[in-house]
Amino acid sequence: MDAILADWLGETFDHRPRDLALFERALTHGSQAVDNYERLEFLGDRVLGLAMAEWLFETFAHEPEGNLSKRLNALVTGAVCADVARAIGVQAHLRLGKQARDDGASDSDNVLGDVMEALIGALYLDGGYAPAQAFVRAAWAPRVHADARAPQHPKSALQEWAAAHNRKTPHYEVTDRSGPQHAPRFTVRVSLGTFADAEASGTSKQEAETAAAAALLAQVQA
């Protein structure tokens, strides 16, 4: 099993692990062991943010800070990290407790996004910044170069629309929370006073708010 994991890590990250236990921890959910991915996820989130900020600064040399921030925020979301995790085959190597596995944690955006960041944290500790930076640039390349213009976050766009049309500031409210702790489901309603409202769901409060804002924006701009 260790050899299979080491081979996958070497092929995926172009780095043969020196301390395999670091990567095993990055792939371990709290339902499986106390020594799990949470601390590594904290570190990996910051390494990903630095690598991405540096890359965007170089790539979009003439864009102002605001546009770079929009790009950064769109590229490091939990959902994007989860998509990258799926693309590189993380699910086959996850270490989950039986209940978490039965509850579908292996396909949870929350779990996969956190594990992806934890793996970046492990890569940074095991090999330094260079392999972590190289992996981020390889894995996120299609996304970084997909948009010629900086994406506008739906919540920001909705707020700007409301201000431009003399409507009340968007108000967000969690109307439902369901699912197990490791794979929650949030439903959020956003409203512009009594003018209009929309509702959407997501695997985190932030994701649900973003989806609700996008839905309401599409509604008022139709």
C-alpha atoms as a PDB file:
ATOM      1  CA  MET A   1       0.000   0.000   0.000  1.00  0.00           C
ATOM      2  CA  ASP A   2       2.821   2.382   0.916  1.00  0.00           C
ATOM      3  CA  ALA A   3       4.545   1.686  -2.403  1.00  0.00           C
ATOM      4  CA  ILE A   4       1.325   2.349  -4.330  1.00  0.00           C
ATOM      5  CA  LEU A   5       0.825   5.649  -2.521  1.00  0.00           C
ATOM      6  CA  ALA A   6       4.463   6.669  -2.999  1.00  0.00           C
ATOM      7  CA  ASP A   7       4.261   5.890  -6.727  1.00  0.00           C
ATOM      8  CA  TRP A   8       1.048   7.926  -7.098  1.00  0.00           C
ATOM      9  CA  LEU A   9       2.537  10.856  -5.212  1.00  0.00           C
ATOM     10  CA  GLY A  10       5.704  10.754  -7.292  1.00  0.00           C
ATOM     11  CA  GLU A  11       3.767  10.743 -10.564  1.00  0.00           C
ATOM     12  CA  THR A  12       1.184  13.322  -9.479  1.00  0.00           C
ATOM     13  CA  PHE A  13       3.426  15.848  -7.759  1.00  0.00           C
ATOM     14  CA  ASP A  14       6.685  15.126  -9.619  1.00  0.00           C
ATOM     15  CA  HIS A  15       8.234  14.648  -6.189  1.00  0.00           C
ATOM     16  CA  ARG A  16       9.182  11.386  -4.497  1.00  0.00           C
ATOM     17  CA  PRO A  17       8.125  11.768  -0.842  1.00  0.00           C
ATOM     18  CA  ARG A  18      10.846  11.676   1.771  1.00  0.00           C
ATOM     19  CA  ASP A  19       8.363  11.495   4.658  1.00  0.00           C
ATOM     20  CA  LEU A  20       5.432   9.412   3.458  1.00  0.00           C
ATOM     21  CA  ALA A  21       3.657   9.843   6.807  1.00  0.00           C
ATOM     22  CA  LEU A  22       3.079  13.511   5.998  1.00  0.00           C
ATOM     23  CA  PHE A  23       1.087  12.620   2.909  1.00  0.00           C
ATOM     24  CA  GLU A  24      -0.749   9.807   4.682  1.00  0.00           C
ATOM     25  CA  ARG A  25      -1.870  12.368   7.259  1.00  0.00           C
ATOM     26  CA  ALA A  26      -2.959  14.746   4.484  1.00  0.00           C
ATOM     27  CA  LEU A  27      -5.213  12.010   3.114  1.00  0.00           C
ATOM     28  CA  THR A  28      -6.695  11.028   6.495  1.00  0.00           C
ATOM     29  CA  HIS A  29     -10.135  12.283   7.518  1.00  0.00           C
ATOM     30  CA  GLY A  30     -11.038  12.996  11.125  1.00  0.00           C
ATOM     31  CA  SER A  31     -13.405  10.024  11.108  1.00  0.00           C
ATOM     32  CA  GLN A  32     -10.416   7.717  10.599  1.00  0.00           C
ATOM     33  CA  ALA A  33      -7.835   9.107  13.018  1.00  0.00           C
ATOM     34  CA  VAL A  34      -7.132  11.976  15.394  1.00  0.00           C
ATOM     35  CA  ASP A  35      -3.922  12.626  13.451  1.00  0.00           C
ATOM     36  CA  ASN A  36      -5.696  13.911  10.334  1.00  0.00           C
ATOM     37  CA  TYR A  37      -5.405  16.508   7.572  1.00  0.00           C
ATOM     38  CA  GLU A  38      -6.681  19.571   9.433  1.00  0.00           C
ATOM     39  CA  ARG A  39      -3.358  21.169  10.437  1.00  0.00           C
ATOM     40  CA  LEU A  40      -1.811  20.451   7.041  1.00  0.00           C
ATOM     41  CA  GLU A  41      -4.872  21.967   5.357  1.00  0.00           C
ATOM     42  CA  PHE A  42      -4.295  25.185   7.342  1.00  0.00           C
ATOM     43  CA  LEU A  43      -0.729  25.374   6.031  1.00  0.00           C
ATOM     44  CA  GLY A  44      -1.558  24.293   2.488  1.00  0.00           C
ATOM     45  CA  ASP A  45      -4.228  26.958   2.166  1.00  0.00           C
ATOM     46  CA  ARG A  46      -1.562  29.620   2.744  1.00  0.00           C
ATOM     47  CA  VAL A  47       0.958  27.976   0.412  1.00  0.00           C
ATOM     48  CA  LEU A  48      -1.673  27.766  -2.332  1.00  0.00           C
ATOM     49  CA  GLY A  49      -2.593  31.410  -1.773  1.00  0.00           C
ATOM     50  CA  LEU A  50       1.046  32.528  -2.041  1.00  0.00           C
ATOM     51  CA  ALA A  51       1.754  30.418  -5.123  1.00  0.00           C
ATOM     52  CA  MET A  52      -1.389  31.668  -6.824  1.00  0.00           C
ATOM     53  CA  ALA A  53      -0.855  35.324  -5.888  1.00  0.00           C
ATOM     54  CA  GLU A  54       2.723  35.225  -7.180  1.00  0.00           C
ATOM     55  CA  TRP A  55       1.614  33.555 -10.413  1.00  0.00           C
ATOM     56  CA  LEU A  56      -1.218  36.011 -11.047  1.00  0.00           C
ATOM     57  CA  PHE A  57       1.098  38.939 -10.287  1.00  0.00           C
ATOM     58  CA  GLU A  58       3.482  37.719 -12.991  1.00  0.00           C
ATOM     59  CA  THR A  59       0.870  36.648 -15.536  1.00  0.00           C
ATOM     60  CA  PHE A  60      -1.418  39.686 -15.429  1.00  0.00           C
ATOM     61  CA  ALA A  61       1.288  42.301 -15.058  1.00  0.00           C
ATOM     62  CA  HIS A  62      -0.899  45.275 -15.972  1.00  0.00           C
ATOM     63  CA  GLU A  63      -3.979  44.470 -13.916  1.00  0.00           C
ATOM     64  CA  PRO A  64      -4.791  46.456 -10.762  1.00  0.00           C
ATOM     65  CA  GLU A  65      -4.966  44.875  -7.324  1.00  0.00           C
ATOM     66  CA  GLY A  66      -8.743  44.606  -7.429  1.00  0.00           C
ATOM     67  CA  ASN A  67      -8.735  42.421 -10.541  1.00  0.00           C
ATOM     68  CA  LEU A  68      -5.944  40.240  -9.172  1.00  0.00           C
ATOM     69  CA  SER A  69      -7.943  39.734  -5.989  1.00  0.00           C
ATOM     70  CA  LYS A  70     -10.999  38.699  -8.011  1.00  0.00           C
ATOM     71  CA  ARG A  71      -8.935  36.148  -9.905  1.00  0.00           C
ATOM     72  CA  LEU A  72      -7.331  34.818  -6.727  1.00  0.00           C
ATOM     73  CA  ASN A  73     -10.630  34.464  -4.892  1.00  0.00           C
ATOM     74  CA  ALA A  74     -12.189  32.585  -7.818  1.00  0.00           C
ATOM     75  CA  LEU A  75      -9.252  30.181  -8.158  1.00  0.00           C
ATOM     76  CA  VAL A  76      -8.745  29.039  -4.557  1.00  0.00           C
ATOM     77  CA  THR A  77     -12.313  28.208  -3.550  1.00  0.00           C
ATOM     78  CA  GLY A  78     -13.071  24.873  -1.938  1.00  0.00           C
ATOM     79  CA  ALA A  79     -15.018  23.798  -5.023  1.00  0.00           C
ATOM     80  CA  VAL A  80     -12.057  24.454  -7.336  1.00  0.00           C
ATOM     81  CA  CYS A  81      -9.673  22.647  -4.974  1.00  0.00           C
ATOM     82  CA  ALA A  82     -12.113  19.719  -4.909  1.00  0.00           C
ATOM     83  CA  ASP A  83     -12.205  19.631  -8.721  1.00  0.00           C
ATOM     84  CA  VAL A  84      -8.409  19.530  -8.838  1.00  0.00           C
ATOM     85  CA  ALA A  85      -8.441  16.730  -6.255  1.00  0.00           C
ATOM     86  CA  ARG A  86     -10.818  14.700  -8.413  1.00  0.00           C
ATOM     87  CA  ALA A  87      -8.719  15.344 -11.513  1.00  0.00           C
ATOM     88  CA  ILE A  88      -5.555  13.954  -9.920  1.00  0.00           C
ATOM     89  CA  GLY A  89      -7.291  10.914  -8.392  1.00  0.00           C
ATOM     90  CA  VAL A  90      -7.281  11.813  -4.701  1.00  0.00           C
ATOM     91  CA  GLN A  91     -10.456   9.842  -3.967  1.00  0.00           C
ATOM     92  CA  ALA A  92      -8.749   6.479  -4.443  1.00  0.00           C
ATOM     93  CA  HIS A  93      -6.278   7.308  -1.657  1.00  0.00           C
ATOM     94  CA  LEU A  94      -8.573   8.878   0.948  1.00  0.00           C
ATOM     95  CA  ARG A  95      -8.566   7.367   4.428  1.00  0.00           C
ATOM     96  CA  LEU A  96     -12.086   7.569   5.800  1.00  0.00           C
ATOM     97  CA  GLY A  97     -14.008   5.989   8.642  1.00  0.00           C
ATOM     98  CA  LYS A  98     -16.809   3.642   7.617  1.00  0.00           C
ATOM     99  CA  GLN A  99     -19.603   6.052   8.512  1.00  0.00           C
ATOM    100  CA  ALA A 100     -17.976   8.942   6.639  1.00  0.00           C
ATOM    101  CA  ARG A 101     -17.479   6.731   3.591  1.00  0.00           C
ATOM    102  CA  ASP A 102     -21.079   5.523   3.761  1.00  0.00           C
ATOM    103  CA  ASP A 103     -22.216   9.168   3.998  1.00  0.00           C
ATOM    104  CA  GLY A 104     -20.438  10.043   0.754  1.00  0.00           C
ATOM    105  CA  ALA A 105     -17.480  11.945   2.186  1.00  0.00           C
ATOM    106  CA  SER A 106     -15.257  10.661  -0.639  1.00  0.00           C
ATOM    107  CA  ASP A 107     -17.123  12.922  -3.069  1.00  0.00           C
ATOM    108  CA  SER A 108     -17.713  15.854  -0.721  1.00  0.00           C
ATOM    109  CA  ASP A 109     -16.377  19.192  -1.977  1.00  0.00           C
ATOM    110  CA  ASN A 110     -15.589  20.116   1.629  1.00  0.00           C
ATOM    111  CA  VAL A 111     -13.502  17.002   2.241  1.00  0.00           C
ATOM    112  CA  LEU A 112     -11.789  16.923  -1.156  1.00  0.00           C
ATOM    113  CA  GLY A 113     -11.043  20.655  -1.077  1.00  0.00           C
ATOM    114  CA  ASP A 114      -9.497  20.386   2.382  1.00  0.00           C
ATOM    115  CA  VAL A 115      -7.467  17.311   1.428  1.00  0.00           C
ATOM    116  CA  MET A 116      -6.139  19.044  -1.685  1.00  0.00           C
ATOM    117  CA  GLU A 117      -4.876  21.923   0.451  1.00  0.00           C
ATOM    118  CA  ALA A 118      -3.456  19.455   2.980  1.00  0.00           C
ATOM    119  CA  LEU A 119      -1.514  17.678   0.239  1.00  0.00           C
ATOM    120  CA  ILE A 120      -0.045  21.002  -0.876  1.00  0.00           C
ATOM    121  CA  GLY A 121       0.920  21.634   2.746  1.00  0.00           C
ATOM    122  CA  ALA A 122       2.576  18.208   2.967  1.00  0.00           C
ATOM    123  CA  LEU A 123       4.406  18.793  -0.302  1.00  0.00           C
ATOM    124  CA  TYR A 124       5.701  22.114   1.006  1.00  0.00           C
ATOM    125  CA  LEU A 125       6.980  20.565   4.248  1.00  0.00           C
ATOM    126  CA  ASP A 126       8.520  17.569   2.487  1.00  0.00           C
ATOM    127  CA  GLY A 127      10.125  19.294  -0.479  1.00  0.00           C
ATOM    128  CA  GLY A 128      10.004  23.049   0.088  1.00  0.00           C
ATOM    129  CA  TYR A 129       8.254  25.790  -1.855  1.00  0.00           C
ATOM    130  CA  ALA A 130       9.532  24.906  -5.357  1.00  0.00           C
ATOM    131  CA  PRO A 131       7.654  21.597  -5.852  1.00  0.00           C
ATOM    132  CA  ALA A 132       4.522  23.038  -4.262  1.00  0.00           C
ATOM    133  CA  GLN A 133       4.650  26.025  -6.601  1.00  0.00           C
ATOM    134  CA  ALA A 134       5.305  23.782  -9.625  1.00  0.00           C
ATOM    135  CA  PHE A 135       2.349  21.565  -8.787  1.00  0.00           C
ATOM    136  CA  VAL A 136      -0.027  24.506  -8.366  1.00  0.00           C
ATOM    137  CA  ARG A 137       1.030  25.952 -11.696  1.00  0.00           C
ATOM    138  CA  ALA A 138       0.574  22.624 -13.474  1.00  0.00           C
ATOM    139  CA  ALA A 139      -2.740  21.674 -11.854  1.00  0.00           C
ATOM    140  CA  TRP A 140      -4.380  25.101 -12.053  1.00  0.00           C
ATOM    141  CA  ALA A 141      -3.004  26.156 -15.466  1.00  0.00           C
ATOM    142  CA  PRO A 142      -6.246  25.630 -17.465  1.00  0.00           C
ATOM    143  CA  ARG A 143      -8.179  27.688 -14.929  1.00  0.00           C
ATOM    144  CA  VAL A 144      -5.705  30.560 -14.679  1.00  0.00           C
ATOM    145  CA  HIS A 145      -5.641  31.052 -18.436  1.00  0.00           C
ATOM    146  CA  ALA A 146      -9.350  30.427 -19.028  1.00  0.00           C
ATOM    147  CA  ASP A 147     -10.524  34.012 -18.505  1.00  0.00           C
ATOM    148  CA  ALA A 148      -8.988  36.931 -20.339  1.00  0.00           C
ATOM    149  CA  ARG A 149     -10.913  39.252 -18.023  1.00  0.00           C
ATOM    150  CA  ALA A 150     -10.921  39.038 -14.249  1.00  0.00           C
ATOM    151  CA  PRO A 151     -14.070  37.261 -13.077  1.00  0.00           C
ATOM    152  CA  GLN A 152     -16.557  39.272 -11.066  1.00  0.00           C
ATOM    153  CA  HIS A 153     -17.648  37.442  -7.941  1.00  0.00           C
ATOM    154  CA  PRO A 154     -21.458  37.056  -7.931  1.00  0.00           C
ATOM    155  CA  LYS A 155     -21.812  38.615  -4.464  1.00  0.00           C
ATOM    156  CA  SER A 156     -19.816  41.686  -5.515  1.00  0.00           C
ATOM    157  CA  ALA A 157     -21.684  41.926  -8.801  1.00  0.00           C
ATOM    158  CA  LEU A 158     -25.052  41.741  -7.031  1.00  0.00           C
ATOM    159  CA  GLN A 159     -24.026  44.411  -4.553  1.00  0.00           C
ATOM    160  CA  GLU A 160     -22.894  46.691  -7.373  1.00  0.00           C
ATOM    161  CA  TRP A 161     -26.161  46.082  -9.260  1.00  0.00           C
ATOM    162  CA  ALA A 162     -28.194  46.935  -6.160  1.00  0.00           C
ATOM    163  CA  ALA A 163     -26.274  50.176  -5.592  1.00  0.00           C
ATOM    164  CA  ALA A 164     -26.576  51.192  -9.259  1.00  0.00           C
ATOM    165  CA  HIS A 165     -30.346  50.604  -9.226  1.00  0.00           C
ATOM    166  CA  ASN A 166     -31.063  52.188  -5.831  1.00  0.00           C
ATOM    167  CA  ARG A 167     -32.047  48.889  -4.256  1.00  0.00           C
ATOM    168  CA  LYS A 168     -31.371  47.717  -0.719  1.00  0.00           C
ATOM    169  CA  THR A 169     -28.073  45.994   0.058  1.00  0.00           C
ATOM    170  CA  PRO A 170     -28.301  42.215  -0.464  1.00  0.00           C
ATOM    171  CA  HIS A 171     -29.250  40.361   2.706  1.00  0.00           C
ATOM    172  CA  TYR A 172     -28.202  36.718   3.131  1.00  0.00           C
ATOM    173  CA  GLU A 173     -29.938  34.248   5.430  1.00  0.00           C
ATOM    174  CA  VAL A 174     -29.289  30.552   6.031  1.00  0.00           C
ATOM    175  CA  THR A 175     -32.681  28.875   5.733  1.00  0.00           C
ATOM    176  CA  ASP A 176     -31.590  25.254   6.105  1.00  0.00           C
ATOM    177  CA  ARG A 177     -28.612  23.124   7.119  1.00  0.00           C
ATOM    178  CA  SER A 178     -28.627  19.383   6.586  1.00  0.00           C
ATOM    179  CA  GLY A 179     -26.295  16.444   6.134  1.00  0.00           C
ATOM    180  CA  PRO A 180     -23.545  14.991   8.360  1.00  0.00           C
ATOM    181  CA  GLN A 181     -20.844  17.147   9.930  1.00  0.00           C
ATOM    182  CA  HIS A 182     -18.219  16.251   7.329  1.00  0.00           C
ATOM    183  CA  ALA A 183     -20.561  16.823   4.380  1.00  0.00           C
ATOM    184  CA  PRO A 184     -23.058  19.544   5.306  1.00  0.00           C
ATOM    185  CA  ARG A 185     -25.553  21.115   2.927  1.00  0.00           C
ATOM    186  CA  PHE A 186     -26.504  24.772   3.358  1.00  0.00           C
ATOM    187  CA  THR A 187     -29.455  26.570   1.801  1.00  0.00           C
ATOM    188  CA  VAL A 188     -29.270  30.363   1.674  1.00  0.00           C
ATOM    189  CA  ARG A 189     -31.802  32.980   0.643  1.00  0.00           C
ATOM    190  CA  VAL A 190     -30.627  36.370  -0.585  1.00  0.00           C
ATOM    191  CA  SER A 191     -33.004  39.296  -0.904  1.00  0.00           C
ATOM    192  CA  LEU A 192     -32.988  42.912  -2.055  1.00  0.00           C
ATOM    193  CA  GLY A 193     -35.563  44.132   0.433  1.00  0.00           C
ATOM    194  CA  THR A 194     -38.995  43.203  -0.902  1.00  0.00           C
ATOM    195  CA  PHE A 195     -37.923  43.761  -4.509  1.00  0.00           C
ATOM    196  CA  ALA A 196     -36.610  40.275  -5.289  1.00  0.00           C
ATOM    197  CA  ASP A 197     -35.087  37.195  -3.708  1.00  0.00           C
ATOM    198  CA  ALA A 198     -33.536  33.869  -4.658  1.00  0.00           C
ATOM    199  CA  GLU A 199     -32.441  30.715  -2.905  1.00  0.00           C
ATOM    200  CA  ALA A 200     -29.632  28.233  -3.548  1.00  0.00           C
ATOM    201  CA  SER A 201     -27.724  25.448  -1.839  1.00  0.00           C
ATOM    202  CA  GLY A 202     -24.077  24.500  -1.462  1.00  0.00           C
ATOM    203  CA  THR A 203     -21.647  22.450   0.589  1.00  0.00           C
ATOM    204  CA  SER A 204     -20.641  25.518   2.608  1.00  0.00           C
ATOM    205  CA  LYS A 205     -22.339  28.732   3.648  1.00  0.00           C
ATOM    206  CA  GLN A 206     -20.025  30.687   1.343  1.00  0.00           C
ATOM    207  CA  GLU A 207     -20.769  28.434  -1.627  1.00  0.00           C
ATOM    208  CA  ALA A 208     -24.528  28.673  -1.021  1.00  0.00           C
ATOM    209  CA  GLU A 209     -24.352  32.477  -0.725  1.00  0.00           C
ATOM    210  CA  THR A 210     -22.402  32.675  -3.981  1.00  0.00           C
ATOM    211  CA  ALA A 211     -24.899  30.450  -5.789  1.00  0.00           C
ATOM    212  CA  ALA A 212     -27.850  32.428  -4.407  1.00  0.00           C
ATOM    213  CA  ALA A 213     -26.257  35.716  -5.478  1.00  0.00           C
ATOM    214  CA  ALA A 214     -25.677  34.350  -8.990  1.00  0.00           C
ATOM    215  CA  ALA A 215     -29.290  33.187  -9.179  1.00  0.00           C
ATOM    216  CA  LEU A 216     -30.674  36.531  -8.042  1.00  0.00           C
ATOM    217  CA  LEU A 217     -28.362  38.438 -10.355  1.00  0.00           C
ATOM    218  CA  ALA A 218     -29.568  36.373 -13.317  1.00  0.00           C
ATOM    219  CA  GLN A 219     -33.153  37.037 -12.228  1.00  0.00           C
ATOM    220  CA  VAL A 220     -32.879  40.826 -11.984  1.00  0.00           C
ATOM    221  CA  GLN A 221     -30.830  41.112 -15.188  1.00  0.00           C
ATOM    222  CA  ALA A 222     -33.207  38.974 -17.259  1.00  0.00           C
END
